[in-house]
Structure formats: structure tokens, C-alpha cells
Amino acid sequence: MVDGEDMEKVEPSAVEEPRNKSGRAARHELHIPLRYRLEGQEDWAPGEAINMSESGLLFTSDRLLEIDDRVQITFQNIDTPQVKSSTRLARVVRRTLSNWPETRVKFGARFCS
């Protein structure tokens, strides 16, 4: 209580991630390595996270993925034993080619619930 007034309690789960002007979840620049694999496959492929939000991430890879591919993503490096809880399942929702001179494929992936 402050000056005899009740303070409103906010549950952590009720707090939403900030949104930008378009109503999308705020994205945070990362530029860190990641690994991913198609759902059901054994081999991991390298990639780099460009940015991430509560709902998904933008990343690059030298391998071509298709729209609607489901991928498991982890930020653990290859030398660390894989921890199952460190992976997130996502669905590829966008694919674009970056501008010259980089010309790498960028993938937008939405995290699955």
C-alpha cells in the first residue's frame, strides 16, 4: 500500500511483449549462430539469427528451406551435448533474398505453441 491506496498487481503472464507500430511483436537484434534441422531429421544445419521476438525469428542459412517447413532450432553449439528443452519448434513463413553484395537467403519462422 502506498499512502493508503491499494496498488494494482500485475501477473507476469499477463504482461505482453511490446508491439511496434504495425502491431507485430517487438524484434530484438541478435546476430548469433544457431543450428536447425527439419522436423524428424537427425542432422543439424548451421545458421545465424538476425533478430528474434516472442513469436518468431529471422535467420539466414546456406541451405534452402520451403515455406511451411517445420524446423527445430537451438542456440547451443555443436560441442555441447543437446538439451531437449533448449530447442524450439518453428514453421517457416517467409523466405527472401538479401540485397547485394551479401545475397543470402533469409527465413522468417514463427514459433509453434
C-alpha atoms as a PDB file:
ATOM      1  CA  MET A   1       0.000   0.000   0.000  1.00  0.00           C
ATOM      2  CA  VAL A   2       1.171   3.480  -0.835  1.00  0.00           C
ATOM      3  CA  ASP A   3      -0.436   6.387   1.013  1.00  0.00           C
ATOM      4  CA  GLY A   4      -3.328   4.141   1.968  1.00  0.00           C
ATOM      5  CA  GLU A   5      -4.124   3.188  -1.667  1.00  0.00           C
ATOM      6  CA  ASP A   6      -4.151  -0.365  -2.958  1.00  0.00           C
ATOM      7  CA  MET A   7      -1.601  -0.985  -5.693  1.00  0.00           C
ATOM      8  CA  GLU A   8      -2.723  -3.000  -8.699  1.00  0.00           C
ATOM      9  CA  LYS A   9      -0.899  -6.312  -9.008  1.00  0.00           C
ATOM     10  CA  VAL A  10       0.093  -7.455 -12.482  1.00  0.00           C
ATOM     11  CA  GLU A  11       0.678 -11.147 -13.024  1.00  0.00           C
ATOM     12  CA  PRO A  12       3.849 -11.855 -15.079  1.00  0.00           C
ATOM     13  CA  SER A  13       1.870 -13.989 -17.539  1.00  0.00           C
ATOM     14  CA  ALA A  14      -0.479 -11.066 -18.182  1.00  0.00           C
ATOM     15  CA  VAL A  15       2.336  -8.796 -19.346  1.00  0.00           C
ATOM     16  CA  GLU A  16       2.579  -8.790 -23.128  1.00  0.00           C
ATOM     17  CA  GLU A  17       5.682  -8.153 -25.157  1.00  0.00           C
ATOM     18  CA  PRO A  18       5.822  -4.598 -26.548  1.00  0.00           C
ATOM     19  CA  ARG A  19       4.402  -4.191 -30.040  1.00  0.00           C
ATOM     20  CA  ASN A  20       5.662  -1.943 -32.826  1.00  0.00           C
ATOM     21  CA  LYS A  21       3.501   0.447 -34.872  1.00  0.00           C
ATOM     22  CA  SER A  22       2.332  -2.355 -37.177  1.00  0.00           C
ATOM     23  CA  GLY A  23       1.115  -4.383 -34.185  1.00  0.00           C
ATOM     24  CA  ARG A  24       3.835  -7.030 -34.516  1.00  0.00           C
ATOM     25  CA  ALA A  25       5.855  -8.261 -31.539  1.00  0.00           C
ATOM     26  CA  ALA A  26       8.972  -6.159 -30.951  1.00  0.00           C
ATOM     27  CA  ARG A  27      12.057  -7.696 -32.535  1.00  0.00           C
ATOM     28  CA  HIS A  28      15.471  -7.757 -30.896  1.00  0.00           C
ATOM     29  CA  GLU A  29      18.674  -7.718 -32.973  1.00  0.00           C
ATOM     30  CA  LEU A  30      20.854 -10.773 -32.272  1.00  0.00           C
ATOM     31  CA  HIS A  31      23.399 -11.798 -34.937  1.00  0.00           C
ATOM     32  CA  ILE A  32      24.307 -15.043 -33.158  1.00  0.00           C
ATOM     33  CA  PRO A  33      24.885 -18.550 -34.511  1.00  0.00           C
ATOM     34  CA  LEU A  34      22.137 -21.144 -34.342  1.00  0.00           C
ATOM     35  CA  ARG A  35      21.540 -24.679 -35.520  1.00  0.00           C
ATOM     36  CA  TYR A  36      18.366 -26.040 -37.047  1.00  0.00           C
ATOM     37  CA  ARG A  37      17.059 -29.229 -38.578  1.00  0.00           C
ATOM     38  CA  LEU A  38      13.904 -30.224 -40.371  1.00  0.00           C
ATOM     39  CA  GLU A  39      11.455 -31.862 -38.008  1.00  0.00           C
ATOM     40  CA  GLY A  40      12.160 -35.594 -37.863  1.00  0.00           C
ATOM     41  CA  GLN A  41      15.716 -35.365 -39.243  1.00  0.00           C
ATOM     42  CA  GLU A  42      18.935 -36.149 -37.367  1.00  0.00           C
ATOM     43  CA  ASP A  43      21.468 -33.738 -38.904  1.00  0.00           C
ATOM     44  CA  TRP A  44      21.727 -30.124 -37.799  1.00  0.00           C
ATOM     45  CA  ALA A  45      22.484 -27.285 -40.240  1.00  0.00           C
ATOM     46  CA  PRO A  46      24.237 -24.048 -39.253  1.00  0.00           C
ATOM     47  CA  GLY A  47      22.575 -20.665 -39.489  1.00  0.00           C
ATOM     48  CA  GLU A  48      22.650 -17.196 -37.970  1.00  0.00           C
ATOM     49  CA  ALA A  49      19.849 -15.459 -36.092  1.00  0.00           C
ATOM     50  CA  ILE A  50      19.335 -11.893 -37.300  1.00  0.00           C
ATOM     51  CA  ASN A  51      16.553 -10.920 -34.930  1.00  0.00           C
ATOM     52  CA  MET A  52      14.011 -12.572 -32.660  1.00  0.00           C
ATOM     53  CA  SER A  53      10.721 -11.783 -30.963  1.00  0.00           C
ATOM     54  CA  GLU A  54       8.340 -13.615 -28.693  1.00  0.00           C
ATOM     55  CA  SER A  55       6.565 -15.012 -31.768  1.00  0.00           C
ATOM     56  CA  GLY A  56       9.458 -15.998 -34.032  1.00  0.00           C
ATOM     57  CA  LEU A  57      12.796 -15.187 -35.577  1.00  0.00           C
ATOM     58  CA  LEU A  58      14.545 -14.104 -38.757  1.00  0.00           C
ATOM     59  CA  PHE A  59      17.621 -16.155 -39.661  1.00  0.00           C
ATOM     60  CA  THR A  60      19.936 -16.956 -42.552  1.00  0.00           C
ATOM     61  CA  SER A  61      21.289 -20.246 -43.813  1.00  0.00           C
ATOM     62  CA  ASP A  62      23.136 -21.606 -46.804  1.00  0.00           C
ATOM     63  CA  ARG A  63      20.515 -24.339 -47.207  1.00  0.00           C
ATOM     64  CA  LEU A  64      17.199 -23.714 -48.884  1.00  0.00           C
ATOM     65  CA  LEU A  65      14.047 -24.219 -46.835  1.00  0.00           C
ATOM     66  CA  GLU A  66      10.488 -24.239 -48.133  1.00  0.00           C
ATOM     67  CA  ILE A  67       7.547 -22.235 -46.819  1.00  0.00           C
ATOM     68  CA  ASP A  68       5.665 -24.313 -44.181  1.00  0.00           C
ATOM     69  CA  ASP A  69       8.743 -26.456 -43.382  1.00  0.00           C
ATOM     70  CA  ARG A  70       8.795 -27.247 -39.667  1.00  0.00           C
ATOM     71  CA  VAL A  71      12.226 -26.860 -38.100  1.00  0.00           C
ATOM     72  CA  GLN A  72      13.742 -27.422 -34.680  1.00  0.00           C
ATOM     73  CA  ILE A  73      16.000 -24.530 -33.665  1.00  0.00           C
ATOM     74  CA  THR A  74      18.668 -24.386 -30.957  1.00  0.00           C
ATOM     75  CA  PHE A  75      21.262 -21.827 -29.953  1.00  0.00           C
ATOM     76  CA  GLN A  76      23.573 -24.451 -28.445  1.00  0.00           C
ATOM     77  CA  ASN A  77      26.872 -25.001 -30.206  1.00  0.00           C
ATOM     78  CA  ILE A  78      27.808 -28.321 -31.740  1.00  0.00           C
ATOM     79  CA  ASP A  79      30.283 -29.224 -28.970  1.00  0.00           C
ATOM     80  CA  THR A  80      27.625 -29.039 -26.221  1.00  0.00           C
ATOM     81  CA  PRO A  81      25.502 -32.133 -25.536  1.00  0.00           C
ATOM     82  CA  GLN A  82      21.994 -31.419 -26.802  1.00  0.00           C
ATOM     83  CA  VAL A  83      19.457 -30.478 -24.146  1.00  0.00           C
ATOM     84  CA  LYS A  84      15.940 -31.200 -25.403  1.00  0.00           C
ATOM     85  CA  SER A  85      14.416 -28.206 -23.571  1.00  0.00           C
ATOM     86  CA  SER A  86      16.767 -25.865 -25.444  1.00  0.00           C
ATOM     87  CA  THR A  87      15.091 -26.476 -28.813  1.00  0.00           C
ATOM     88  CA  ARG A  88      12.114 -24.603 -30.196  1.00  0.00           C
ATOM     89  CA  LEU A  89       9.838 -25.833 -32.958  1.00  0.00           C
ATOM     90  CA  ALA A  90       9.061 -23.255 -35.640  1.00  0.00           C
ATOM     91  CA  ARG A  91       7.375 -23.088 -39.040  1.00  0.00           C
ATOM     92  CA  VAL A  92       8.983 -21.229 -41.964  1.00  0.00           C
ATOM     93  CA  VAL A  93       6.567 -18.485 -43.010  1.00  0.00           C
ATOM     94  CA  ARG A  94       8.732 -16.261 -45.226  1.00  0.00           C
ATOM     95  CA  ARG A  95      11.758 -16.562 -47.499  1.00  0.00           C
ATOM     96  CA  THR A  96      13.595 -13.607 -49.043  1.00  0.00           C
ATOM     97  CA  LEU A  97      16.935 -12.958 -50.704  1.00  0.00           C
ATOM     98  CA  SER A  98      19.049 -10.275 -49.011  1.00  0.00           C
ATOM     99  CA  ASN A  99      20.431  -7.371 -51.026  1.00  0.00           C
ATOM    100  CA  TRP A 100      23.702  -7.373 -52.897  1.00  0.00           C
ATOM    101  CA  PRO A 101      26.567  -7.891 -52.012  1.00  0.00           C
ATOM    102  CA  GLU A 102      25.518 -10.328 -49.267  1.00  0.00           C
ATOM    103  CA  THR A 103      22.891 -12.279 -51.277  1.00  0.00           C
ATOM    104  CA  ARG A 104      21.967 -14.784 -48.591  1.00  0.00           C
ATOM    105  CA  VAL A 105      18.548 -16.322 -48.127  1.00  0.00           C
ATOM    106  CA  LYS A 106      16.677 -15.044 -45.063  1.00  0.00           C
ATOM    107  CA  PHE A 107      13.935 -17.102 -43.447  1.00  0.00           C
ATOM    108  CA  GLY A 108      11.141 -15.859 -41.216  1.00  0.00           C
ATOM    109  CA  ALA A 109       9.969 -18.572 -38.828  1.00  0.00           C
ATOM    110  CA  ARG A 110       7.045 -18.464 -36.403  1.00  0.00           C
ATOM    111  CA  PHE A 111       7.431 -20.401 -33.164  1.00  0.00           C
ATOM    112  CA  CYS A 112       4.896 -23.206 -32.707  1.00  0.00           C
ATOM    113  CA  SER A 113       2.997 -23.336 -29.419  1.00  0.00           C
END
